[in-house]
Amino acid sequence: MSFRTRTKWLAAIFFIALIVLLFWKFKVLKTPKSVPIPVSAKNAQTPSDHNLGAVSRVPLLVPGDTCAKADKTLGKPMEEDKYSRSWKSQDFFITASIDSDCHLTGVGITVLEGHKGLTVDGVTLGSSTLADAEKMLGKRLTEGSESVEAGEGHWAASLELNVAAGMPYSAAYRAYMADDKAEAMNRYPIFSDFRDLPITQYSLKMVSSQAPAK
């Protein structure tokens, strides 16, 4: 092979190598570098996941609302007559008493077993206990409102909130005691027996004689 031919081959090989090198550098610059994710970031939850998790919002219905609003919020009632309506959702069983103009005069919301519901007061039905509610609600509670009753044969304790200005209805939180536990006590339960039990019911009732605006 002559010197001239060998020189041409070397120049060609050098030129090809240069093209390959330039192409590789260009590819590296265009490809984003992977950044390792800290363990803490991998395990972190978003604010909504951390705060609510499997907790649902309790439907916003109050005495004075119309039947039309209740149906729009909750859907078609499961049962209804001229005195009341009831609904069942994935998380709650809801009842409402109504007047002749189809305004709600009372609302009762019971969280279903194994579910949780957050109220506007920050109380979590199915999780917060009566003791928790006493701490959270503080001065908003009606003095001496603690009560124990055996409605429909089931023992329950309740706390009632003061009527807020501009809201002609009262609110109450209620915790139930299992029947077998109540029977095993060999006495009537008192409020302190319920303090560590989870609240499962939230109710609102009209306390003003003034009829809701039409």
C-alpha atoms as a PDB file:
ATOM      1  CA  MET A   1       0.000   0.000   0.000  1.00  0.00           C
ATOM      2  CA  SER A   2       1.426   3.338  -1.036  1.00  0.00           C
ATOM      3  CA  PHE A   3       2.014   6.145   1.412  1.00  0.00           C
ATOM      4  CA  ARG A   4      -0.711   8.252  -0.204  1.00  0.00           C
ATOM      5  CA  THR A   5      -3.306   5.471   0.044  1.00  0.00           C
ATOM      6  CA  ARG A   6      -2.439   4.749   3.670  1.00  0.00           C
ATOM      7  CA  THR A   7      -2.754   8.466   4.487  1.00  0.00           C
ATOM      8  CA  LYS A   8      -6.232   8.583   2.928  1.00  0.00           C
ATOM      9  CA  TRP A   9      -7.352   5.573   4.995  1.00  0.00           C
ATOM     10  CA  LEU A  10      -6.051   7.086   8.223  1.00  0.00           C
ATOM     11  CA  ALA A  11      -7.771  10.396   7.446  1.00  0.00           C
ATOM     12  CA  ALA A  12     -11.065   8.573   6.753  1.00  0.00           C
ATOM     13  CA  ILE A  13     -10.844   6.604  10.026  1.00  0.00           C
ATOM     14  CA  PHE A  14     -10.049   9.782  11.963  1.00  0.00           C
ATOM     15  CA  PHE A  15     -12.989  11.594  10.356  1.00  0.00           C
ATOM     16  CA  ILE A  16     -15.411   8.768  11.219  1.00  0.00           C
ATOM     17  CA  ALA A  17     -14.112   8.659  14.805  1.00  0.00           C
ATOM     18  CA  LEU A  18     -14.607  12.406  15.109  1.00  0.00           C
ATOM     19  CA  ILE A  19     -18.207  12.157  13.894  1.00  0.00           C
ATOM     20  CA  VAL A  20     -18.962   9.361  16.410  1.00  0.00           C
ATOM     21  CA  LEU A  21     -17.418  11.375  19.260  1.00  0.00           C
ATOM     22  CA  LEU A  22     -19.435  14.491  18.391  1.00  0.00           C
ATOM     23  CA  PHE A  23     -22.658  12.452  18.120  1.00  0.00           C
ATOM     24  CA  TRP A  24     -22.072  10.854  21.561  1.00  0.00           C
ATOM     25  CA  LYS A  25     -21.412  14.213  23.233  1.00  0.00           C
ATOM     26  CA  PHE A  26     -24.563  15.690  21.672  1.00  0.00           C
ATOM     27  CA  LYS A  27     -26.665  12.754  22.949  1.00  0.00           C
ATOM     28  CA  VAL A  28     -25.292  13.097  26.472  1.00  0.00           C
ATOM     29  CA  LEU A  29     -26.127  16.806  26.564  1.00  0.00           C
ATOM     30  CA  LYS A  30     -29.685  16.193  25.354  1.00  0.00           C
ATOM     31  CA  THR A  31     -30.457  13.377  27.803  1.00  0.00           C
ATOM     32  CA  PRO A  32     -31.661  14.677  31.232  1.00  0.00           C
ATOM     33  CA  LYS A  33     -29.669  13.423  34.149  1.00  0.00           C
ATOM     34  CA  SER A  34     -31.543  11.218  36.597  1.00  0.00           C
ATOM     35  CA  VAL A  35     -31.647  12.660  40.095  1.00  0.00           C
ATOM     36  CA  PRO A  36     -31.871  10.191  42.977  1.00  0.00           C
ATOM     37  CA  ILE A  37     -35.077  10.623  45.015  1.00  0.00           C
ATOM     38  CA  PRO A  38     -34.519  10.891  48.775  1.00  0.00           C
ATOM     39  CA  VAL A  39     -36.189   8.171  50.821  1.00  0.00           C
ATOM     40  CA  SER A  40     -38.181  10.787  52.713  1.00  0.00           C
ATOM     41  CA  ALA A  41     -39.590  12.158  49.462  1.00  0.00           C
ATOM     42  CA  LYS A  42     -40.546   8.695  48.239  1.00  0.00           C
ATOM     43  CA  ASN A  43     -42.527   8.022  51.407  1.00  0.00           C
ATOM     44  CA  ALA A  44     -44.021  11.490  51.775  1.00  0.00           C
ATOM     45  CA  GLN A  45     -47.772  11.964  51.431  1.00  0.00           C
ATOM     46  CA  THR A  46     -49.542  14.899  49.881  1.00  0.00           C
ATOM     47  CA  PRO A  47     -51.324  17.210  52.344  1.00  0.00           C
ATOM     48  CA  SER A  48     -54.731  15.876  51.315  1.00  0.00           C
ATOM     49  CA  ASP A  49     -53.637  12.244  51.723  1.00  0.00           C
ATOM     50  CA  HIS A  50     -52.081  12.958  55.110  1.00  0.00           C
ATOM     51  CA  ASN A  51     -54.976  14.965  56.493  1.00  0.00           C
ATOM     52  CA  LEU A  52     -57.942  12.987  55.225  1.00  0.00           C
ATOM     53  CA  GLY A  53     -56.794   9.568  54.075  1.00  0.00           C
ATOM     54  CA  ALA A  54     -59.990   7.472  54.047  1.00  0.00           C
ATOM     55  CA  VAL A  55     -62.024  10.179  55.797  1.00  0.00           C
ATOM     56  CA  SER A  56     -65.026  11.607  53.948  1.00  0.00           C
ATOM     57  CA  ARG A  57     -66.577  15.025  54.411  1.00  0.00           C
ATOM     58  CA  VAL A  58     -69.896  15.007  56.256  1.00  0.00           C
ATOM     59  CA  PRO A  59     -72.578  16.418  53.910  1.00  0.00           C
ATOM     60  CA  LEU A  60     -73.337  20.096  54.532  1.00  0.00           C
ATOM     61  CA  LEU A  61     -77.056  20.177  55.353  1.00  0.00           C
ATOM     62  CA  VAL A  62     -78.651  22.241  58.111  1.00  0.00           C
ATOM     63  CA  PRO A  63     -82.174  22.924  59.394  1.00  0.00           C
ATOM     64  CA  GLY A  64     -83.792  25.500  57.158  1.00  0.00           C
ATOM     65  CA  ASP A  65     -82.434  23.970  53.950  1.00  0.00           C
ATOM     66  CA  THR A  66     -85.036  22.877  51.420  1.00  0.00           C
ATOM     67  CA  CYS A  67     -85.837  19.328  50.407  1.00  0.00           C
ATOM     68  CA  ALA A  68     -84.666  20.276  46.915  1.00  0.00           C
ATOM     69  CA  LYS A  69     -81.217  21.201  48.246  1.00  0.00           C
ATOM     70  CA  ALA A  70     -81.041  17.973  50.258  1.00  0.00           C
ATOM     71  CA  ASP A  71     -81.921  15.913  47.187  1.00  0.00           C
ATOM     72  CA  LYS A  72     -79.366  17.787  45.092  1.00  0.00           C
ATOM     73  CA  THR A  73     -76.688  17.141  47.731  1.00  0.00           C
ATOM     74  CA  LEU A  74     -77.551  13.539  48.566  1.00  0.00           C
ATOM     75  CA  GLY A  75     -79.513  12.242  45.603  1.00  0.00           C
ATOM     76  CA  LYS A  76     -82.883  10.534  45.594  1.00  0.00           C
ATOM     77  CA  PRO A  77     -84.084   9.646  49.135  1.00  0.00           C
ATOM     78  CA  MET A  78     -84.092   5.999  50.131  1.00  0.00           C
ATOM     79  CA  GLU A  79     -87.358   6.586  51.996  1.00  0.00           C
ATOM     80  CA  GLU A  80     -89.642   9.610  52.261  1.00  0.00           C
ATOM     81  CA  ASP A  81     -93.021  10.724  53.521  1.00  0.00           C
ATOM     82  CA  LYS A  82     -94.583  14.053  54.477  1.00  0.00           C
ATOM     83  CA  TYR A  83     -92.688  14.141  57.775  1.00  0.00           C
ATOM     84  CA  SER A  84     -89.207  12.859  56.973  1.00  0.00           C
ATOM     85  CA  ARG A  85     -86.654  11.670  54.434  1.00  0.00           C
ATOM     86  CA  SER A  86     -83.661   9.355  54.636  1.00  0.00           C
ATOM     87  CA  TRP A  87     -80.616   8.646  52.496  1.00  0.00           C
ATOM     88  CA  LYS A  88     -77.792   6.122  52.575  1.00  0.00           C
ATOM     89  CA  SER A  89     -74.442   6.840  50.975  1.00  0.00           C
ATOM     90  CA  GLN A  90     -71.193   4.909  50.899  1.00  0.00           C
ATOM     91  CA  ASP A  91     -70.202   6.379  54.278  1.00  0.00           C
ATOM     92  CA  PHE A  92     -73.313   7.709  56.011  1.00  0.00           C
ATOM     93  CA  PHE A  93     -76.937   7.077  56.899  1.00  0.00           C
ATOM     94  CA  ILE A  94     -78.766  10.416  56.927  1.00  0.00           C
ATOM     95  CA  THR A  95     -82.236  11.265  58.189  1.00  0.00           C
ATOM     96  CA  ALA A  96     -84.103  14.568  58.098  1.00  0.00           C
ATOM     97  CA  SER A  97     -87.386  15.747  59.564  1.00  0.00           C
ATOM     98  CA  ILE A  98     -89.296  18.224  57.406  1.00  0.00           C
ATOM     99  CA  ASP A  99     -92.113  20.737  57.780  1.00  0.00           C
ATOM    100  CA  SER A 100     -95.185  21.273  55.626  1.00  0.00           C
ATOM    101  CA  ASP A 101     -93.226  23.530  53.240  1.00  0.00           C
ATOM    102  CA  CYS A 102     -90.524  20.866  52.810  1.00  0.00           C
ATOM    103  CA  HIS A 103     -87.816  22.637  54.787  1.00  0.00           C
ATOM    104  CA  LEU A 104     -85.547  20.553  56.986  1.00  0.00           C
ATOM    105  CA  THR A 105     -86.240  20.979  60.706  1.00  0.00           C
ATOM    106  CA  GLY A 106     -83.668  18.439  61.873  1.00  0.00           C
ATOM    107  CA  VAL A 107     -80.778  16.467  60.419  1.00  0.00           C
ATOM    108  CA  GLY A 108     -79.147  13.323  61.784  1.00  0.00           C
ATOM    109  CA  ILE A 109     -75.969  11.851  60.285  1.00  0.00           C
ATOM    110  CA  THR A 110     -74.619   8.475  61.384  1.00  0.00           C
ATOM    111  CA  VAL A 111     -71.291   7.216  60.046  1.00  0.00           C
ATOM    112  CA  LEU A 112     -71.388   3.604  58.892  1.00  0.00           C
ATOM    113  CA  GLU A 113     -69.226   1.035  60.684  1.00  0.00           C
ATOM    114  CA  GLY A 114     -65.650   1.042  59.451  1.00  0.00           C
ATOM    115  CA  HIS A 115     -65.952   4.504  57.872  1.00  0.00           C
ATOM    116  CA  LYS A 116     -64.990   8.003  59.011  1.00  0.00           C
ATOM    117  CA  GLY A 117     -66.527  11.415  58.421  1.00  0.00           C
ATOM    118  CA  LEU A 118     -65.119  14.887  59.107  1.00  0.00           C
ATOM    119  CA  THR A 119     -67.610  17.522  60.305  1.00  0.00           C
ATOM    120  CA  VAL A 120     -67.341  21.296  59.942  1.00  0.00           C
ATOM    121  CA  ASP A 121     -66.338  21.429  63.633  1.00  0.00           C
ATOM    122  CA  GLY A 122     -63.253  19.290  63.013  1.00  0.00           C
ATOM    123  CA  VAL A 123     -64.707  16.249  64.779  1.00  0.00           C
ATOM    124  CA  THR A 124     -64.170  12.953  62.942  1.00  0.00           C
ATOM    125  CA  LEU A 125     -67.136  10.628  63.219  1.00  0.00           C
ATOM    126  CA  GLY A 126     -65.980   7.059  63.706  1.00  0.00           C
ATOM    127  CA  SER A 127     -62.646   8.173  65.193  1.00  0.00           C
ATOM    128  CA  SER A 128     -62.840  11.152  67.573  1.00  0.00           C
ATOM    129  CA  THR A 129     -64.009  10.248  71.076  1.00  0.00           C
ATOM    130  CA  LEU A 130     -66.259  12.295  73.352  1.00  0.00           C
ATOM    131  CA  ALA A 131     -63.124  13.248  75.288  1.00  0.00           C
ATOM    132  CA  ASP A 132     -61.544  14.492  72.031  1.00  0.00           C
ATOM    133  CA  ALA A 133     -64.662  16.510  71.231  1.00  0.00           C
ATOM    134  CA  GLU A 134     -64.650  18.133  74.678  1.00  0.00           C
ATOM    135  CA  LYS A 135     -61.078  19.317  74.093  1.00  0.00           C
ATOM    136  CA  MET A 136     -61.707  20.499  70.530  1.00  0.00           C
ATOM    137  CA  LEU A 137     -65.024  22.257  71.090  1.00  0.00           C
ATOM    138  CA  GLY A 138     -64.260  23.707  74.530  1.00  0.00           C
ATOM    139  CA  LYS A 139     -66.353  26.793  75.286  1.00  0.00           C
ATOM    140  CA  ARG A 140     -68.636  26.104  72.337  1.00  0.00           C
ATOM    141  CA  LEU A 141     -70.239  23.328  74.362  1.00  0.00           C
ATOM    142  CA  THR A 142     -73.413  24.085  76.258  1.00  0.00           C
ATOM    143  CA  GLU A 143     -72.635  24.014  79.970  1.00  0.00           C
ATOM    144  CA  GLY A 144     -74.049  20.904  81.577  1.00  0.00           C
ATOM    145  CA  SER A 145     -75.155  19.481  78.235  1.00  0.00           C
ATOM    146  CA  GLU A 146     -73.594  16.077  78.839  1.00  0.00           C
ATOM    147  CA  SER A 147     -76.368  13.501  78.875  1.00  0.00           C
ATOM    148  CA  VAL A 148     -76.876   9.731  78.830  1.00  0.00           C
ATOM    149  CA  GLU A 149     -79.950   8.002  77.475  1.00  0.00           C
ATOM    150  CA  ALA A 150     -81.161   4.594  76.393  1.00  0.00           C
ATOM    151  CA  GLY A 151     -83.095   5.541  73.296  1.00  0.00           C
ATOM    152  CA  GLU A 152     -84.552   2.521  71.469  1.00  0.00           C
ATOM    153  CA  GLY A 153     -82.826   0.261  73.979  1.00  0.00           C
ATOM    154  CA  HIS A 154     -79.280   1.373  73.104  1.00  0.00           C
ATOM    155  CA  TRP A 155     -77.215   3.387  75.565  1.00  0.00           C
ATOM    156  CA  ALA A 156     -75.722   6.613  74.230  1.00  0.00           C
ATOM    157  CA  ALA A 157     -74.018   9.726  75.601  1.00  0.00           C
ATOM    158  CA  SER A 158     -74.120  13.119  73.929  1.00  0.00           C
ATOM    159  CA  LEU A 159     -72.579  16.584  73.980  1.00  0.00           C
ATOM    160  CA  GLU A 160     -74.490  19.643  72.770  1.00  0.00           C
ATOM    161  CA  LEU A 161     -73.074  22.848  71.293  1.00  0.00           C
ATOM    162  CA  ASN A 162     -74.279  26.369  72.007  1.00  0.00           C
ATOM    163  CA  VAL A 163     -76.537  27.915  69.383  1.00  0.00           C
ATOM    164  CA  ALA A 164     -74.375  30.140  67.176  1.00  0.00           C
ATOM    165  CA  ALA A 165     -75.448  33.657  66.244  1.00  0.00           C
ATOM    166  CA  GLY A 166     -77.472  33.693  63.043  1.00  0.00           C
ATOM    167  CA  MET A 167     -77.926  29.918  63.118  1.00  0.00           C
ATOM    168  CA  PRO A 168     -81.262  28.963  64.718  1.00  0.00           C
ATOM    169  CA  TYR A 169     -80.323  25.367  65.400  1.00  0.00           C
ATOM    170  CA  SER A 170     -78.265  23.376  67.872  1.00  0.00           C
ATOM    171  CA  ALA A 171     -75.740  20.630  67.181  1.00  0.00           C
ATOM    172  CA  ALA A 172     -74.973  17.499  69.180  1.00  0.00           C
ATOM    173  CA  TYR A 173     -72.444  14.684  69.027  1.00  0.00           C
ATOM    174  CA  ARG A 174     -73.313  11.205  70.243  1.00  0.00           C
ATOM    175  CA  ALA A 175     -71.371   8.023  71.106  1.00  0.00           C
ATOM    176  CA  TYR A 176     -72.999   4.625  71.583  1.00  0.00           C
ATOM    177  CA  MET A 177     -72.028   1.821  73.950  1.00  0.00           C
ATOM    178  CA  ALA A 178     -72.194  -1.797  72.792  1.00  0.00           C
ATOM    179  CA  ASP A 179     -75.177  -3.598  74.312  1.00  0.00           C
ATOM    180  CA  ASP A 180     -73.098  -6.434  75.775  1.00  0.00           C
ATOM    181  CA  LYS A 181     -70.759  -3.945  77.467  1.00  0.00           C
ATOM    182  CA  ALA A 182     -73.687  -2.046  78.991  1.00  0.00           C
ATOM    183  CA  GLU A 183     -75.277  -5.258  80.257  1.00  0.00           C
ATOM    184  CA  ALA A 184     -72.012  -6.424  81.818  1.00  0.00           C
ATOM    185  CA  MET A 185     -71.794  -3.273  83.972  1.00  0.00           C
ATOM    186  CA  ASN A 186     -74.717  -4.336  86.207  1.00  0.00           C
ATOM    187  CA  ARG A 187     -75.635  -0.654  86.591  1.00  0.00           C
ATOM    188  CA  TYR A 188     -76.805   2.258  84.522  1.00  0.00           C
ATOM    189  CA  PRO A 189     -73.919   3.755  82.508  1.00  0.00           C
ATOM    190  CA  ILE A 190     -72.829   7.298  83.333  1.00  0.00           C
ATOM    191  CA  PHE A 191     -71.231   9.873  81.045  1.00  0.00           C
ATOM    192  CA  SER A 192     -67.653   9.076  82.090  1.00  0.00           C
ATOM    193  CA  ASP A 193     -68.178   5.514  80.819  1.00  0.00           C
ATOM    194  CA  PHE A 194     -68.487   6.931  77.294  1.00  0.00           C
ATOM    195  CA  ARG A 195     -65.586   9.404  77.182  1.00  0.00           C
ATOM    196  CA  ASP A 196     -63.221   7.066  75.315  1.00  0.00           C
ATOM    197  CA  LEU A 197     -65.827   5.759  72.871  1.00  0.00           C
ATOM    198  CA  PRO A 198     -65.827   7.028  69.274  1.00  0.00           C
ATOM    199  CA  ILE A 199     -68.513   9.484  68.220  1.00  0.00           C
ATOM    200  CA  THR A 200     -70.645   7.965  65.488  1.00  0.00           C
ATOM    201  CA  GLN A 201     -73.554  10.392  65.202  1.00  0.00           C
ATOM    202  CA  TYR A 202     -73.927  14.103  64.524  1.00  0.00           C
ATOM    203  CA  SER A 203     -77.287  15.855  64.666  1.00  0.00           C
ATOM    204  CA  LEU A 204     -78.757  19.304  64.125  1.00  0.00           C
ATOM    205  CA  LYS A 205     -82.171  20.500  65.232  1.00  0.00           C
ATOM    206  CA  MET A 206     -84.130  23.707  64.809  1.00  0.00           C
ATOM    207  CA  VAL A 207     -84.486  25.644  68.068  1.00  0.00           C
ATOM    208  CA  SER A 208     -86.038  28.867  66.756  1.00  0.00           C
ATOM    209  CA  SER A 209     -89.789  29.327  66.480  1.00  0.00           C
ATOM    210  CA  GLN A 210     -89.190  31.462  63.416  1.00  0.00           C
ATOM    211  CA  ALA A 211     -90.090  29.568  60.252  1.00  0.00           C
ATOM    212  CA  PRO A 212     -87.382  29.249  57.584  1.00  0.00           C
ATOM    213  CA  ALA A 213     -87.563  31.863  54.839  1.00  0.00           C
ATOM    214  CA  LYS A 214     -89.295  30.647  51.707  1.00  0.00           C
END
